[in-house]
C-alpha atoms as a PDB file:
ATOM      1  CA  MET A   1     -24.885 -10.966  -0.284  1.00  0.00           C
ATOM      2  CA  SER A   2     -22.563 -11.973   2.449  1.00  0.00           C
ATOM      3  CA  ALA A   3     -21.925  -9.649   5.835  1.00  0.00           C
ATOM      4  CA  PRO A   4     -19.423  -7.372   5.049  1.00  0.00           C
ATOM      5  CA  LEU A   5     -16.193  -7.111   6.782  1.00  0.00           C
ATOM      6  CA  THR A   6     -15.828  -4.171   8.802  1.00  0.00           C
ATOM      7  CA  ALA A   7     -13.073  -2.534  10.752  1.00  0.00           C
ATOM      8  CA  TRP A   8     -12.229   1.337  12.090  1.00  0.00           C
ATOM      9  CA  ILE A   9      -9.324   3.192  10.320  1.00  0.00           C
ATOM     10  CA  ASP A  10      -7.370   4.463  13.135  1.00  0.00           C
ATOM     11  CA  GLY A  11      -4.236   5.611  10.599  1.00  0.00           C
ATOM     12  CA  ILE A  12      -3.506   6.435   7.023  1.00  0.00           C
ATOM     13  CA  GLY A  13      -0.036   6.871   5.102  1.00  0.00           C
ATOM     14  CA  CYS A  14       0.054   7.425   1.431  1.00  0.00           C
ATOM     15  CA  LEU A  15       3.064   7.985  -0.587  1.00  0.00           C
ATOM     16  CA  GLY A  16       3.351   8.500  -4.506  1.00  0.00           C
ATOM     17  CA  PRO A  17       4.239  10.843  -7.622  1.00  0.00           C
ATOM     18  CA  GLY A  18       3.008  14.368  -6.299  1.00  0.00           C
ATOM     19  CA  LEU A  19       1.821  12.579  -3.044  1.00  0.00           C
ATOM     20  CA  ALA A  20       4.378  13.198  -0.194  1.00  0.00           C
ATOM     21  CA  ASP A  21       2.314  12.116   2.714  1.00  0.00           C
ATOM     22  CA  TRP A  22      -0.929  11.476   3.747  1.00  0.00           C
ATOM     23  CA  PRO A  23      -1.592  15.381   4.730  1.00  0.00           C
ATOM     24  CA  THR A  24      -0.594  16.359   1.152  1.00  0.00           C
ATOM     25  CA  THR A  25      -2.508  13.831  -0.345  1.00  0.00           C
ATOM     26  CA  LEU A  26      -5.612  15.191   2.135  1.00  0.00           C
ATOM     27  CA  ALA A  27      -5.387  18.421   0.704  1.00  0.00           C
ATOM     28  CA  VAL A  28      -5.332  17.221  -3.151  1.00  0.00           C
ATOM     29  CA  LEU A  29      -8.377  14.921  -2.404  1.00  0.00           C
ATOM     30  CA  ARG A  30     -10.342  17.937  -0.915  1.00  0.00           C
ATOM     31  CA  GLY A  31      -9.673  20.120  -3.920  1.00  0.00           C
ATOM     32  CA  GLU A  32      -7.679  22.652  -1.458  1.00  0.00           C
ATOM     33  CA  ARG A  33      -4.595  22.412  -3.685  1.00  0.00           C
ATOM     34  CA  PRO A  34      -3.759  20.877  -7.075  1.00  0.00           C
ATOM     35  CA  TRP A  35      -2.184  17.970  -7.800  1.00  0.00           C
ATOM     36  CA  VAL A  36       1.559  18.168  -9.575  1.00  0.00           C
ATOM     37  CA  ALA A  37       3.044  15.327 -11.618  1.00  0.00           C
ATOM     38  CA  GLU A  38       6.165  14.710  -9.690  1.00  0.00           C
ATOM     39  CA  PRO A  39       8.242  11.793  -8.897  1.00  0.00           C
ATOM     40  CA  THR A  40       8.246  10.090  -5.654  1.00  0.00           C
ATOM     41  CA  VAL A  41      10.336  11.110  -3.081  1.00  0.00           C
ATOM     42  CA  LEU A  42      11.645   8.099  -0.935  1.00  0.00           C
ATOM     43  CA  PRO A  43      12.821   9.269   2.377  1.00  0.00           C
ATOM     44  CA  ALA A  44      15.839   7.380   3.892  1.00  0.00           C
ATOM     45  CA  PRO A  45      14.988   4.395   6.193  1.00  0.00           C
ATOM     46  CA  ALA A  46      16.519   5.949   9.590  1.00  0.00           C
ATOM     47  CA  MET A  47      14.831   3.424  11.807  1.00  0.00           C
ATOM     48  CA  LEU A  48      17.068   0.484  10.054  1.00  0.00           C
ATOM     49  CA  PRO A  49      20.491  -0.499  11.316  1.00  0.00           C
ATOM     50  CA  ALA A  50      23.012   0.951   9.328  1.00  0.00           C
ATOM     51  CA  ALA A  51      23.791  -2.043   7.551  1.00  0.00           C
ATOM     52  CA  GLU A  52      20.429  -2.744   5.909  1.00  0.00           C
ATOM     53  CA  ARG A  53      19.947   0.871   5.898  1.00  0.00           C
ATOM     54  CA  ARG A  54      22.613   0.901   3.094  1.00  0.00           C
ATOM     55  CA  ARG A  55      20.931  -2.279   1.523  1.00  0.00           C
ATOM     56  CA  ALA A  56      17.579  -0.727   1.651  1.00  0.00           C
ATOM     57  CA  SER A  57      15.697  -0.778  -2.027  1.00  0.00           C
ATOM     58  CA  ARG A  58      12.839   1.581  -3.488  1.00  0.00           C
ATOM     59  CA  VAL A  59      10.335  -0.757  -2.221  1.00  0.00           C
ATOM     60  CA  VAL A  60      11.683  -1.182   1.220  1.00  0.00           C
ATOM     61  CA  LYS A  61      11.981   2.596   1.981  1.00  0.00           C
ATOM     62  CA  LEU A  62       8.552   2.967   0.201  1.00  0.00           C
ATOM     63  CA  THR A  63       6.398   0.692   2.804  1.00  0.00           C
ATOM     64  CA  LEU A  64       8.456   1.816   5.561  1.00  0.00           C
ATOM     65  CA  ALA A  65       7.574   5.476   5.053  1.00  0.00           C
ATOM     66  CA  ALA A  66       4.050   4.707   4.435  1.00  0.00           C
ATOM     67  CA  GLY A  67       3.717   2.391   7.114  1.00  0.00           C
ATOM     68  CA  MET A  68       5.195   4.102   9.899  1.00  0.00           C
ATOM     69  CA  GLU A  69       3.023   7.233   8.749  1.00  0.00           C
ATOM     70  CA  ALA A  70      -0.040   5.096   9.539  1.00  0.00           C
ATOM     71  CA  VAL A  71       1.419   3.932  12.719  1.00  0.00           C
ATOM     72  CA  ALA A  72       2.303   7.314  13.937  1.00  0.00           C
ATOM     73  CA  ALA A  73      -0.841   8.821  13.046  1.00  0.00           C
ATOM     74  CA  ALA A  74      -2.749   6.424  15.522  1.00  0.00           C
ATOM     75  CA  GLY A  75      -0.051   6.777  18.032  1.00  0.00           C
ATOM     76  CA  ALA A  76       0.552   2.833  18.009  1.00  0.00           C
ATOM     77  CA  ASP A  77       3.281   0.410  18.686  1.00  0.00           C
ATOM     78  CA  ALA A  78       4.648  -0.906  15.287  1.00  0.00           C
ATOM     79  CA  SER A  79       6.145  -3.936  16.988  1.00  0.00           C
ATOM     80  CA  THR A  80       3.119  -5.184  18.170  1.00  0.00           C
ATOM     81  CA  LEU A  81       0.946  -5.000  15.029  1.00  0.00           C
ATOM     82  CA  ALA A  82       0.184  -7.979  12.609  1.00  0.00           C
ATOM     83  CA  THR A  83       0.844  -6.821   8.872  1.00  0.00           C
ATOM     84  CA  VAL A  84      -0.282  -7.595   5.589  1.00  0.00           C
ATOM     85  CA  PHE A  85       1.827  -6.666   2.751  1.00  0.00           C
ATOM     86  CA  ALA A  86       0.066  -6.781  -0.507  1.00  0.00           C
ATOM     87  CA  ALA A  87       1.915  -5.686  -4.109  1.00  0.00           C
ATOM     88  CA  SER A  88       1.382  -6.612  -7.926  1.00  0.00           C
ATOM     89  CA  GLY A  89       5.329  -7.754  -8.093  1.00  0.00           C
ATOM     90  CA  ALA A  90       8.077  -7.516  -6.042  1.00  0.00           C
ATOM     91  CA  ASP A  91      10.978  -4.627  -6.955  1.00  0.00           C
ATOM     92  CA  GLY A  92      11.090  -4.197 -10.316  1.00  0.00           C
ATOM     93  CA  TYR A  93      14.772  -2.510 -10.645  1.00  0.00           C
ATOM     94  CA  ASN A  94      16.089  -5.543  -8.550  1.00  0.00           C
ATOM     95  CA  CYS A  95      14.349  -7.872 -11.199  1.00  0.00           C
ATOM     96  CA  HIS A  96      15.890  -5.666 -13.616  1.00  0.00           C
ATOM     97  CA  THR A  97      19.388  -5.912 -12.508  1.00  0.00           C
ATOM     98  CA  LEU A  98      19.130  -9.727 -12.118  1.00  0.00           C
ATOM     99  CA  CYS A  99      17.582 -10.560 -15.536  1.00  0.00           C
ATOM    100  CA  GLU A 100      20.632  -8.256 -16.717  1.00  0.00           C
ATOM    101  CA  GLN A 101      23.249 -10.141 -14.636  1.00  0.00           C
ATOM    102  CA  LEU A 102      21.618 -13.580 -16.023  1.00  0.00           C
ATOM    103  CA  ALA A 103      22.183 -12.281 -19.625  1.00  0.00           C
ATOM    104  CA  THR A 104      25.846 -11.907 -19.612  1.00  0.00           C
ATOM    105  CA  ASP A 105      28.251 -14.811 -19.132  1.00  0.00           C
ATOM    106  CA  ASP A 106      29.155 -13.952 -15.755  1.00  0.00           C
ATOM    107  CA  ARG A 107      25.440 -15.357 -14.286  1.00  0.00           C
ATOM    108  CA  GLN A 108      26.710 -15.127 -10.403  1.00  0.00           C
ATOM    109  CA  ILE A 109      24.186 -13.239  -8.600  1.00  0.00           C
ATOM    110  CA  SER A 110      24.837 -11.113  -5.194  1.00  0.00           C
ATOM    111  CA  PRO A 111      22.959 -12.534  -2.416  1.00  0.00           C
ATOM    112  CA  THR A 112      22.086  -9.108  -1.338  1.00  0.00           C
ATOM    113  CA  ARG A 113      20.533  -8.470  -4.456  1.00  0.00           C
ATOM    114  CA  PHE A 114      18.890 -11.741  -4.789  1.00  0.00           C
ATOM    115  CA  THR A 115      17.546 -11.495  -1.109  1.00  0.00           C
ATOM    116  CA  ASN A 116      16.083  -7.928  -2.081  1.00  0.00           C
ATOM    117  CA  SER A 117      14.453  -9.062  -4.897  1.00  0.00           C
ATOM    118  CA  VAL A 118      11.842 -11.609  -3.379  1.00  0.00           C
ATOM    119  CA  HIS A 119       8.416 -10.770  -2.980  1.00  0.00           C
ATOM    120  CA  ASN A 120       8.541 -10.541   1.117  1.00  0.00           C
ATOM    121  CA  ALA A 121      11.798  -8.451   1.251  1.00  0.00           C
ATOM    122  CA  ALA A 122       9.711  -5.585   2.349  1.00  0.00           C
ATOM    123  CA  ALA A 123       7.902  -7.519   5.111  1.00  0.00           C
ATOM    124  CA  GLY A 124      11.414  -9.063   6.497  1.00  0.00           C
ATOM    125  CA  TYR A 125      13.159  -5.453   6.312  1.00  0.00           C
ATOM    126  CA  TRP A 126       9.934  -4.011   8.252  1.00  0.00           C
ATOM    127  CA  GLY A 127      10.618  -6.760  10.807  1.00  0.00           C
ATOM    128  CA  ILE A 128      14.168  -5.621  11.257  1.00  0.00           C
ATOM    129  CA  ALA A 129      13.056  -2.104  11.596  1.00  0.00           C
ATOM    130  CA  THR A 130      10.349  -2.438  13.865  1.00  0.00           C
ATOM    131  CA  ARG A 131      11.460  -5.454  16.045  1.00  0.00           C
ATOM    132  CA  SER A 132       8.356  -7.124  15.556  1.00  0.00           C
ATOM    133  CA  MET A 133       7.440 -10.669  15.948  1.00  0.00           C
ATOM    134  CA  ALA A 134       3.583 -10.203  15.362  1.00  0.00           C
ATOM    135  CA  PRO A 135       1.950 -12.394  12.459  1.00  0.00           C
ATOM    136  CA  CYS A 136       2.902 -11.339   8.568  1.00  0.00           C
ATOM    137  CA  GLN A 137       1.002 -12.203   5.639  1.00  0.00           C
ATOM    138  CA  VAL A 138       2.552 -11.150   2.235  1.00  0.00           C
ATOM    139  CA  LEU A 139       0.511 -11.541  -0.981  1.00  0.00           C
ATOM    140  CA  CYS A 140       0.197 -10.760  -4.760  1.00  0.00           C
ATOM    141  CA  ALA A 141      -2.981 -10.381  -6.671  1.00  0.00           C
ATOM    142  CA  TYR A 142      -1.650  -8.589  -9.693  1.00  0.00           C
ATOM    143  CA  ASP A 143      -3.590  -5.194 -10.248  1.00  0.00           C
ATOM    144  CA  ALA A 144      -6.274  -6.554  -7.398  1.00  0.00           C
ATOM    145  CA  SER A 145      -3.373  -6.826  -4.920  1.00  0.00           C
ATOM    146  CA  PHE A 146      -5.098  -3.582  -2.762  1.00  0.00           C
ATOM    147  CA  GLY A 147      -8.289  -5.094  -2.492  1.00  0.00           C
ATOM    148  CA  ALA A 148      -6.842  -8.663  -1.811  1.00  0.00           C
ATOM    149  CA  GLY A 149      -4.843  -7.120   0.618  1.00  0.00           C
ATOM    150  CA  LEU A 150      -7.579  -5.234   2.325  1.00  0.00           C
ATOM    151  CA  LEU A 151      -9.920  -8.397   2.434  1.00  0.00           C
ATOM    152  CA  ASP A 152      -6.792 -10.196   4.323  1.00  0.00           C
ATOM    153  CA  ALA A 153      -6.490  -7.439   6.803  1.00  0.00           C
ATOM    154  CA  LEU A 154     -10.223  -7.617   7.433  1.00  0.00           C
ATOM    155  CA  ALA A 155     -10.533 -11.080   7.866  1.00  0.00           C
ATOM    156  CA  GLN A 156      -7.801 -10.996  10.575  1.00  0.00           C
ATOM    157  CA  VAL A 157      -9.349  -7.813  12.376  1.00  0.00           C
ATOM    158  CA  ALA A 158     -12.426  -9.971  12.163  1.00  0.00           C
ATOM    159  CA  ALA A 159     -11.235 -13.158  13.140  1.00  0.00           C
ATOM    160  CA  ASP A 160      -8.670 -12.383  15.614  1.00  0.00           C
ATOM    161  CA  ARG A 161     -10.175  -9.211  17.063  1.00  0.00           C
ATOM    162  CA  GLN A 162      -6.356  -7.880  16.642  1.00  0.00           C
ATOM    163  CA  THR A 163      -5.403  -4.174  14.945  1.00  0.00           C
ATOM    164  CA  THR A 164      -3.630  -4.805  11.802  1.00  0.00           C
ATOM    165  CA  LEU A 165      -1.885  -2.842   9.507  1.00  0.00           C
ATOM    166  CA  LEU A 166      -2.227  -3.225   5.833  1.00  0.00           C
ATOM    167  CA  ILE A 167       0.655  -1.877   3.429  1.00  0.00           C
ATOM    168  CA  ALA A 168      -0.195  -1.937  -0.476  1.00  0.00           C
ATOM    169  CA  TYR A 169       3.051  -0.876  -2.388  1.00  0.00           C
ATOM    170  CA  ASP A 170       4.006  -0.960  -5.863  1.00  0.00           C
ATOM    171  CA  SER A 171       7.405  -0.358  -7.641  1.00  0.00           C
ATOM    172  CA  GLU A 172       8.154   0.529 -11.440  1.00  0.00           C
ATOM    173  CA  TYR A 173      10.145  -1.349 -13.760  1.00  0.00           C
ATOM    174  CA  PRO A 174      12.920  -0.005 -15.865  1.00  0.00           C
ATOM    175  CA  ALA A 175      13.186  -0.762 -19.719  1.00  0.00           C
ATOM    176  CA  PRO A 176      12.518  -2.802 -21.341  1.00  0.00           C
ATOM    177  CA  MET A 177      10.235  -4.806 -18.831  1.00  0.00           C
ATOM    178  CA  HIS A 178       8.320  -1.096 -18.248  1.00  0.00           C
ATOM    179  CA  ALA A 179       6.948  -1.877 -22.040  1.00  0.00           C
ATOM    180  CA  LYS A 180       5.230  -4.980 -20.508  1.00  0.00           C
ATOM    181  CA  ARG A 181       4.439  -3.106 -17.205  1.00  0.00           C
ATOM    182  CA  ASP A 182       4.176   0.552 -17.220  1.00  0.00           C
ATOM    183  CA  THR A 183       3.600   1.388 -13.783  1.00  0.00           C
ATOM    184  CA  PRO A 184       4.797   4.997 -13.781  1.00  0.00           C
ATOM    185  CA  ASP A 185       6.248   5.138 -10.513  1.00  0.00           C
ATOM    186  CA  CYS A 186       6.287   3.543  -7.181  1.00  0.00           C
ATOM    187  CA  GLY A 187       3.463   4.172  -4.340  1.00  0.00           C
ATOM    188  CA  ALA A 188       1.929   2.831  -1.517  1.00  0.00           C
ATOM    189  CA  VAL A 189      -1.156   3.242   0.917  1.00  0.00           C
ATOM    190  CA  ALA A 190      -1.280   2.482   4.455  1.00  0.00           C
ATOM    191  CA  LEU A 191      -4.135   1.769   6.607  1.00  0.00           C
ATOM    192  CA  LEU A 192      -4.471   0.801  10.467  1.00  0.00           C
ATOM    193  CA  LEU A 193      -7.536  -1.235  10.858  1.00  0.00           C
ATOM    194  CA  ALA A 194      -8.915  -1.724  14.456  1.00  0.00           C
ATOM    195  CA  PRO A 195     -11.716  -4.034  15.578  1.00  0.00           C
ATOM    196  CA  GLU A 196     -12.922  -1.379  18.122  1.00  0.00           C
ATOM    197  CA  ARG A 197     -13.282   2.182  18.112  1.00  0.00           C
ATOM    198  CA  SER A 198     -10.706   4.447  19.754  1.00  0.00           C
ATOM    199  CA  GLU A 199     -10.236   8.286  20.289  1.00  0.00           C
ATOM    200  CA  ARG A 200      -7.964   8.026  17.153  1.00  0.00           C
ATOM    201  CA  SER A 201     -10.597   6.465  14.818  1.00  0.00           C
ATOM    202  CA  LEU A 202     -11.226   8.476  11.424  1.00  0.00           C
ATOM    203  CA  ALA A 203     -14.031   6.218  10.114  1.00  0.00           C
ATOM    204  CA  ARG A 204     -15.716   2.930   9.994  1.00  0.00           C
ATOM    205  CA  ILE A 205     -15.480   0.777   6.724  1.00  0.00           C
ATOM    206  CA  GLY A 206     -17.643  -2.183   6.154  1.00  0.00           C
ATOM    207  CA  VAL A 207     -16.453  -4.065   2.765  1.00  0.00           C
ATOM    208  CA  ALA A 208     -18.752  -6.425   0.696  1.00  0.00           C
ATOM    209  CA  PRO A 209     -18.665  -8.147  -3.067  1.00  0.00           C
ATOM    210  CA  THR A 210     -20.474  -6.213  -5.696  1.00  0.00           C
ATOM    211  CA  ARG A 211     -20.580  -6.094  -9.970  1.00  0.00           C
ATOM    212  CA  ASP A 212     -20.793  -2.432  -9.781  1.00  0.00           C
ATOM    213  CA  ALA A 213     -18.154  -0.514 -11.951  1.00  0.00           C
ATOM    214  CA  ALA A 214     -15.229   0.849  -9.850  1.00  0.00           C
ATOM    215  CA  ASP A 215     -15.387   4.699  -8.996  1.00  0.00           C
ATOM    216  CA  ARG A 216     -13.096   6.802 -11.157  1.00  0.00           C
ATOM    217  CA  LEU A 217     -11.632  10.192 -10.130  1.00  0.00           C
ATOM    218  CA  ALA A 218     -12.454  13.469 -11.658  1.00  0.00           C
ATOM    219  CA  ASP A 219      -8.769  14.768 -11.940  1.00  0.00           C
ATOM    220  CA  PRO A 220      -7.163  13.122 -15.071  1.00  0.00           C
ATOM    221  CA  GLY A 221      -3.890  13.042 -13.242  1.00  0.00           C
ATOM    222  CA  LEU A 222      -5.064  11.182 -10.007  1.00  0.00           C
ATOM    223  CA  GLU A 223      -7.033   8.822 -12.264  1.00  0.00           C
ATOM    224  CA  GLY A 224      -4.218   8.202 -14.566  1.00  0.00           C
ATOM    225  CA  LEU A 225      -2.487   7.157 -11.106  1.00  0.00           C
ATOM    226  CA  ARG A 226      -5.545   4.771  -9.795  1.00  0.00           C
ATOM    227  CA  GLY A 227      -5.175   2.896 -13.267  1.00  0.00           C
ATOM    228  CA  THR A 228      -1.463   2.706 -13.435  1.00  0.00           C
ATOM    229  CA  ILE A 229      -0.180   1.749  -9.735  1.00  0.00           C
ATOM    230  CA  PRO A 230      -2.056  -1.061  -8.517  1.00  0.00           C
ATOM    231  CA  ALA A 231      -1.802   0.313  -4.612  1.00  0.00           C
ATOM    232  CA  LEU A 232      -3.510   3.440  -5.516  1.00  0.00           C
ATOM    233  CA  ARG A 233      -6.745   1.611  -6.729  1.00  0.00           C
ATOM    234  CA  ALA A 234      -7.300   2.870  -2.754  1.00  0.00           C
ATOM    235  CA  LEU A 235      -7.708   6.406  -4.261  1.00  0.00           C
ATOM    236  CA  PRO A 236     -11.556   6.520  -4.416  1.00  0.00           C
ATOM    237  CA  LEU A 237     -12.014   5.307  -0.587  1.00  0.00           C
ATOM    238  CA  LEU A 238      -8.998   7.680   0.066  1.00  0.00           C
ATOM    239  CA  ALA A 239     -11.318  10.622  -1.404  1.00  0.00           C
ATOM    240  CA  ARG A 240     -14.313   9.754   0.805  1.00  0.00           C
ATOM    241  CA  LEU A 241     -11.945   9.528   3.831  1.00  0.00           C
ATOM    242  CA  ALA A 242     -10.205  12.948   3.027  1.00  0.00           C
ATOM    243  CA  ARG A 243     -13.700  14.619   2.652  1.00  0.00           C
ATOM    244  CA  GLY A 244     -15.340  12.770   5.717  1.00  0.00           C
ATOM    245  CA  GLU A 245     -18.333  11.525   3.155  1.00  0.00           C
ATOM    246  CA  ALA A 246     -20.458   8.790   4.141  1.00  0.00           C
ATOM    247  CA  GLY A 247     -21.172   6.623   1.438  1.00  0.00           C
ATOM    248  CA  ARG A 248     -19.868   3.850  -0.689  1.00  0.00           C
ATOM    249  CA  ALA A 249     -16.700   3.905  -2.634  1.00  0.00           C
ATOM    250  CA  CYS A 250     -16.326   1.017  -5.289  1.00  0.00           C
ATOM    251  CA  LEU A 251     -12.864  -0.349  -5.806  1.00  0.00           C
ATOM    252  CA  ASP A 252     -11.415  -2.685  -8.638  1.00  0.00           C
ATOM    253  CA  TYR A 253     -11.007  -6.212  -7.737  1.00  0.00           C
ATOM    254  CA  LEU A 254     -11.092  -9.416  -9.593  1.00  0.00           C
ATOM    255  CA  PRO A 255     -13.391  -8.991 -12.442  1.00  0.00           C
ATOM    256  CA  PRO A 256     -16.204  -9.247 -12.600  1.00  0.00           C
ATOM    257  CA  MET A 257     -16.212  -9.026  -8.768  1.00  0.00           C
ATOM    258  CA  GLN A 258     -15.429  -5.527  -7.445  1.00  0.00           C
ATOM    259  CA  LEU A 259     -15.058  -4.456  -3.603  1.00  0.00           C
ATOM    260  CA  ALA A 260     -17.826  -2.113  -2.238  1.00  0.00           C
ATOM    261  CA  VAL A 261     -16.442  -0.300   0.670  1.00  0.00           C
ATOM    262  CA  ASP A 262     -19.225   1.696   2.937  1.00  0.00           C
ATOM    263  CA  VAL A 263     -18.034   4.261   4.569  1.00  0.00           C
ATOM    264  CA  ALA A 264     -19.227   6.047   7.919  1.00  0.00           C
ATOM    265  CA  PRO A 265     -16.729   8.785   9.205  1.00  0.00           C
ATOM    266  CA  CYS A 266     -16.228   9.397  13.141  1.00  0.00           C
END
């Protein structure tokens, strides 16, 4: 067994169906309030300049909201943070619109629409919003994208000894593609990972490969989110963090390999 990759979690952001932010998610995962099935509400990206704000897609609004929640919780400077963006696909609505256009006689594509359709669009808007020139990675591993993003971010923390922000996010596809990729709504999880403990640190995590089965959630609604929105494969880890429980959360990765996340709350 290889040595685990470790880091301190200094901030958390979460946004998804019935999960308006991390405090709401915290209360749901602690059992202090029931999870209610509601569409994801995406806040306006006020930190973007007006022109970019008008063009911002659902995934841009999603990633800015979740990422900045984690940054604000830690009192960090977003412009200095290395980032890792991880998603199972790009922007479902833009992909749908482009396919519709290409299926007509007029196959001219809007430059703005194309720019927003690419897989690194959210990272680009993040750079504009935060004026960040720090290193940025954008990756995709289908349903294993949260785990891949977590490993990449932890590797940067270990190798470069720099605080790194992971933003894992996913978008739904309209019909007819929804029949093949049935993600019900968009959702995101952001973790601010630091090499050293600070007064803001919430827990220390260590991640190593395992062949154990991924943890499931007792609440059928939350388990449904975990199974259908790849970014929310993080929910078993978030549940342990929310309850302040030491122990192990096992997360889906690339079968037969899974990820064992050992949690030590501060």
